[in-house]
Every structure is written in C-alpha cells, then in structure tokens.
C-alpha atoms as a PDB file:
ATOM      1  CA  MET A   1       9.170  10.442   5.468  1.00  0.00           C
ATOM      2  CA  LYS A   2      12.474   9.276   4.045  1.00  0.00           C
ATOM      3  CA  THR A   3      12.493   8.942   0.286  1.00  0.00           C
ATOM      4  CA  LYS A   4      15.594   6.849  -0.465  1.00  0.00           C
ATOM      5  CA  ALA A   5      14.759   3.358  -1.702  1.00  0.00           C
ATOM      6  CA  ASP A   6      17.000   0.431  -2.556  1.00  0.00           C
ATOM      7  CA  LYS A   7      16.729  -1.899  -5.552  1.00  0.00           C
ATOM      8  CA  LYS A   8      14.891  -4.572  -3.580  1.00  0.00           C
ATOM      9  CA  GLY A   9      12.023  -2.184  -2.857  1.00  0.00           C
ATOM     10  CA  ILE A  10      11.810  -1.183  -6.494  1.00  0.00           C
ATOM     11  CA  GLU A  11      11.661  -4.826  -7.617  1.00  0.00           C
ATOM     12  CA  ARG A  12       8.526  -5.317  -5.537  1.00  0.00           C
ATOM     13  CA  LEU A  13       6.786  -2.302  -7.067  1.00  0.00           C
ATOM     14  CA  SER A  14       5.113  -2.512 -10.436  1.00  0.00           C
ATOM     15  CA  ILE A  15       2.483  -0.732 -12.452  1.00  0.00           C
ATOM     16  CA  GLU A  16      -0.303  -2.724 -14.070  1.00  0.00           C
ATOM     17  CA  VAL A  17      -3.077  -1.447 -16.318  1.00  0.00           C
ATOM     18  CA  HIS A  18      -6.602  -2.777 -15.750  1.00  0.00           C
ATOM     19  CA  GLY A  19      -9.693  -1.344 -17.378  1.00  0.00           C
ATOM     20  CA  GLY A  20      -7.572   1.460 -18.797  1.00  0.00           C
ATOM     21  CA  LYS A  21      -6.441   2.541 -15.311  1.00  0.00           C
ATOM     22  CA  GLU A  22      -2.911   2.357 -13.952  1.00  0.00           C
ATOM     23  CA  ILE A  23      -2.519   0.651 -10.579  1.00  0.00           C
ATOM     24  CA  ILE A  24       0.616   0.614  -8.444  1.00  0.00           C
ATOM     25  CA  MET A  25       1.158  -2.962  -7.238  1.00  0.00           C
ATOM     26  CA  VAL A  26       3.053  -3.244  -3.940  1.00  0.00           C
ATOM     27  CA  ASP A  27       4.229  -6.719  -2.919  1.00  0.00           C
ATOM     28  CA  TYR A  28       4.977  -6.940   0.823  1.00  0.00           C
ATOM     29  CA  ARG A  29       4.552 -10.744   0.861  1.00  0.00           C
ATOM     30  CA  SER A  30       6.937 -12.509   3.239  1.00  0.00           C
ATOM     31  CA  LEU A  31       9.042  -9.400   3.934  1.00  0.00           C
ATOM     32  CA  LYS A  32      10.533  -8.476   7.304  1.00  0.00           C
ATOM     33  CA  GLU A  33      10.115  -5.082   8.978  1.00  0.00           C
ATOM     34  CA  LYS A  34      13.160  -3.345   7.474  1.00  0.00           C
ATOM     35  CA  GLU A  35      12.306  -4.496   3.954  1.00  0.00           C
ATOM     36  CA  MET A  36       8.656  -3.500   4.399  1.00  0.00           C
ATOM     37  CA  ILE A  37       9.644   0.020   5.456  1.00  0.00           C
ATOM     38  CA  GLU A  38      12.054   0.314   2.512  1.00  0.00           C
ATOM     39  CA  LEU A  39       9.297  -0.796   0.137  1.00  0.00           C
ATOM     40  CA  LEU A  40       6.855   1.694   1.677  1.00  0.00           C
ATOM     41  CA  GLN A  41       9.433   4.435   1.085  1.00  0.00           C
ATOM     42  CA  ALA A  42       9.882   3.339  -2.552  1.00  0.00           C
ATOM     43  CA  ASN A  43       6.099   3.381  -2.925  1.00  0.00           C
ATOM     44  CA  PHE A  44       6.034   6.922  -1.516  1.00  0.00           C
ATOM     45  CA  GLU A  45       8.492   8.026  -4.184  1.00  0.00           C
ATOM     46  CA  LEU A  46       6.445   6.413  -6.947  1.00  0.00           C
ATOM     47  CA  VAL A  47       3.136   7.838  -5.712  1.00  0.00           C
ATOM     48  CA  THR A  48       4.475  11.363  -5.378  1.00  0.00           C
ATOM     49  CA  GLN A  49       6.371  11.308  -8.693  1.00  0.00           C
ATOM     50  CA  THR A  50       3.525   9.976 -10.848  1.00  0.00           C
ATOM     51  CA  ARG A  51      -0.155  10.715 -11.301  1.00  0.00           C
ATOM     52  CA  ILE A  52      -1.175   7.153 -10.479  1.00  0.00           C
ATOM     53  CA  ARG A  53      -3.893   7.375  -7.835  1.00  0.00           C
ATOM     54  CA  LEU A  54      -4.711   3.671  -7.306  1.00  0.00           C
ATOM     55  CA  ILE A  55      -2.729   1.136  -5.249  1.00  0.00           C
ATOM     56  CA  LEU A  56      -3.035  -2.590  -4.588  1.00  0.00           C
ATOM     57  CA  SER A  57      -0.913  -3.707  -1.616  1.00  0.00           C
ATOM     58  CA  ASP A  58      -0.372  -7.372  -0.792  1.00  0.00           C
ATOM     59  CA  TYR A  59       0.343  -8.077   2.899  1.00  0.00           C
ATOM     60  CA  ARG A  60       0.066 -11.868   2.831  1.00  0.00           C
ATOM     61  CA  ASN A  61       2.578 -13.794   4.949  1.00  0.00           C
ATOM     62  CA  CYS A  62       4.101 -10.781   6.653  1.00  0.00           C
ATOM     63  CA  TYR A  63       3.903  -9.254  10.108  1.00  0.00           C
ATOM     64  CA  VAL A  64       3.020  -5.588  10.460  1.00  0.00           C
ATOM     65  CA  THR A  65       5.217  -4.273  13.282  1.00  0.00           C
ATOM     66  CA  PRO A  66       4.696  -1.122  15.359  1.00  0.00           C
ATOM     67  CA  ALA A  67       7.608   0.549  13.514  1.00  0.00           C
ATOM     68  CA  PHE A  68       5.973  -0.223  10.171  1.00  0.00           C
ATOM     69  CA  VAL A  69       2.627   1.139  11.402  1.00  0.00           C
ATOM     70  CA  VAL A  70       4.338   4.426  12.345  1.00  0.00           C
ATOM     71  CA  GLU A  71       5.800   4.675   8.830  1.00  0.00           C
ATOM     72  CA  ALA A  72       2.476   3.657   7.237  1.00  0.00           C
ATOM     73  CA  LYS A  73       0.699   6.454   9.107  1.00  0.00           C
ATOM     74  CA  LYS A  74       3.313   8.940   7.859  1.00  0.00           C
ATOM     75  CA  PHE A  75       2.836   7.606   4.318  1.00  0.00           C
ATOM     76  CA  THR A  76      -0.939   7.919   4.576  1.00  0.00           C
ATOM     77  CA  ALA A  77      -0.797  11.480   5.905  1.00  0.00           C
ATOM     78  CA  ALA A  78       1.728  12.536   3.260  1.00  0.00           C
ATOM     79  CA  THR A  79      -0.186  11.015   0.340  1.00  0.00           C
ATOM     80  CA  LEU A  80      -3.789  11.969   1.147  1.00  0.00           C
ATOM     81  CA  GLN A  81      -3.979  14.228  -1.897  1.00  0.00           C
ATOM     82  CA  HIS A  82      -2.201  11.734  -4.175  1.00  0.00           C
ATOM     83  CA  ILE A  83      -4.254   8.551  -3.668  1.00  0.00           C
ATOM     84  CA  ASP A  84      -7.915   7.873  -4.485  1.00  0.00           C
ATOM     85  CA  LYS A  85      -8.239   4.186  -3.538  1.00  0.00           C
ATOM     86  CA  VAL A  86      -6.168   1.385  -2.039  1.00  0.00           C
ATOM     87  CA  GLY A  87      -7.074  -2.297  -2.258  1.00  0.00           C
ATOM     88  CA  LEU A  88      -5.454  -4.522   0.369  1.00  0.00           C
ATOM     89  CA  LEU A  89      -4.756  -8.257   0.316  1.00  0.00           C
ATOM     90  CA  GLY A  90      -3.733 -10.418   3.270  1.00  0.00           C
ATOM     91  CA  ILE A  91      -5.566  -8.447   5.944  1.00  0.00           C
ATOM     92  CA  ASP A  92      -5.959 -10.870   8.846  1.00  0.00           C
ATOM     93  CA  SER A  93      -7.603 -10.080  12.201  1.00  0.00           C
ATOM     94  CA  VAL A  94      -4.610  -8.185  13.623  1.00  0.00           C
ATOM     95  CA  LYS A  95      -4.068  -6.193  10.433  1.00  0.00           C
ATOM     96  CA  SER A  96      -7.798  -5.407  10.314  1.00  0.00           C
ATOM     97  CA  TRP A  97      -7.519  -3.619  13.669  1.00  0.00           C
ATOM     98  CA  ILE A  98      -4.609  -1.566  12.345  1.00  0.00           C
ATOM     99  CA  LEU A  99      -6.622  -0.772   9.205  1.00  0.00           C
ATOM    100  CA  LYS A 100      -9.595   0.322  11.345  1.00  0.00           C
ATOM    101  CA  GLY A 101      -7.321   2.710  13.219  1.00  0.00           C
ATOM    102  CA  ILE A 102      -6.099   4.234   9.965  1.00  0.00           C
ATOM    103  CA  LEU A 103      -9.651   4.524   8.625  1.00  0.00           C
ATOM    104  CA  LEU A 104     -10.746   6.330  11.800  1.00  0.00           C
ATOM    105  CA  THR A 105      -7.773   8.707  11.641  1.00  0.00           C
ATOM    106  CA  TYR A 106      -7.595   9.590   7.941  1.00  0.00           C
ATOM    107  CA  PRO A 107     -10.223  10.276   5.237  1.00  0.00           C
ATOM    108  CA  VAL A 108      -9.100   7.446   2.955  1.00  0.00           C
ATOM    109  CA  ASN A 109     -10.743   4.831   0.747  1.00  0.00           C
ATOM    110  CA  PHE A 110      -8.760   1.721   1.766  1.00  0.00           C
ATOM    111  CA  LYS A 111     -10.544  -1.648   1.562  1.00  0.00           C
ATOM    112  CA  PRO A 112      -9.451  -5.240   2.237  1.00  0.00           C
ATOM    113  CA  PHE A 113     -10.176  -8.039  -0.247  1.00  0.00           C
ATOM    114  CA  ASP A 114      -9.737 -11.794  -0.390  1.00  0.00           C
ATOM    115  CA  THR A 115      -8.598 -11.877  -4.013  1.00  0.00           C
ATOM    116  CA  LYS A 116      -6.589  -9.719  -6.374  1.00  0.00           C
ATOM    117  CA  GLU A 117      -9.482  -9.771  -8.837  1.00  0.00           C
ATOM    118  CA  GLU A 118     -11.898  -8.298  -6.265  1.00  0.00           C
ATOM    119  CA  ALA A 119      -9.400  -5.579  -5.366  1.00  0.00           C
ATOM    120  CA  ILE A 120      -8.841  -4.678  -9.015  1.00  0.00           C
ATOM    121  CA  GLN A 121     -12.602  -4.489  -9.592  1.00  0.00           C
ATOM    122  CA  PHE A 122     -12.903  -2.034  -6.656  1.00  0.00           C
ATOM    123  CA  LEU A 123      -9.965   0.031  -7.907  1.00  0.00           C
ATOM    124  CA  THR A 124     -11.268   0.293 -11.466  1.00  0.00           C
ATOM    125  CA  GLU A 125     -14.909   1.139 -10.642  1.00  0.00           C
END
C-alpha cells in the first residue's frame, strides 16, 4: 500500500476522544475515487504510526468504486494487527454487500451504524 498522503487527506482525518478512548475519524463524505484512495492512504499512515486502535469512517454521499475496494482490502489486510474496531456510517445497500465481502474475507470487527453516536458507543464499549 502506498503511504504518501496529501494535505487534503490529512484535513479529513482527525482524532477525537470519547469515554477516554482515542478514535480516528475518517471523513469520506462526498469525495471522488482519487480523493477517497488518498484519504485511505493517509489513514493507513496514521493507524500504523500511532497506537490508536479504533476508527469511525463516514461514507455518506460517496460512491465506493472497484479501485477503492481494492485499496480498502489492502488496507484491511495490512492493518489487521493495528485495529480493534471500526464503526461505519453511510453504508447503503451496495456498500453493505462490499462490507459483507470484507467480513467474510478478514477477521475484523467492522459494523455499520445509522448515527455517529451509535458508532461511538460501539467503539468505546
């Protein structure tokens, strides 16, 4: 997986503390394929350079392309030992099929939620 990220990707990454736990917040909302892949690469850098093991990713108003899915699978495989839980927002019917494929392929704890509050509750349990 490439690890070079531009400033735009970094602007859409943040760390929030909830219940005493740090969560990486990844904002894919309304991005196009190239920007989504760049943000995923920036997220990879952050995950592998910190000890933060929780992620909340927001996929509302964006289209997950085949090229992004390839990169997401690489990310998932490369970060299995770095991530405990991922909460997902904006998972529509098409994205749910992609998520099912990832869940069948990798031993991960990724779950979709309707609200940020529900996702944070899951991440901080």
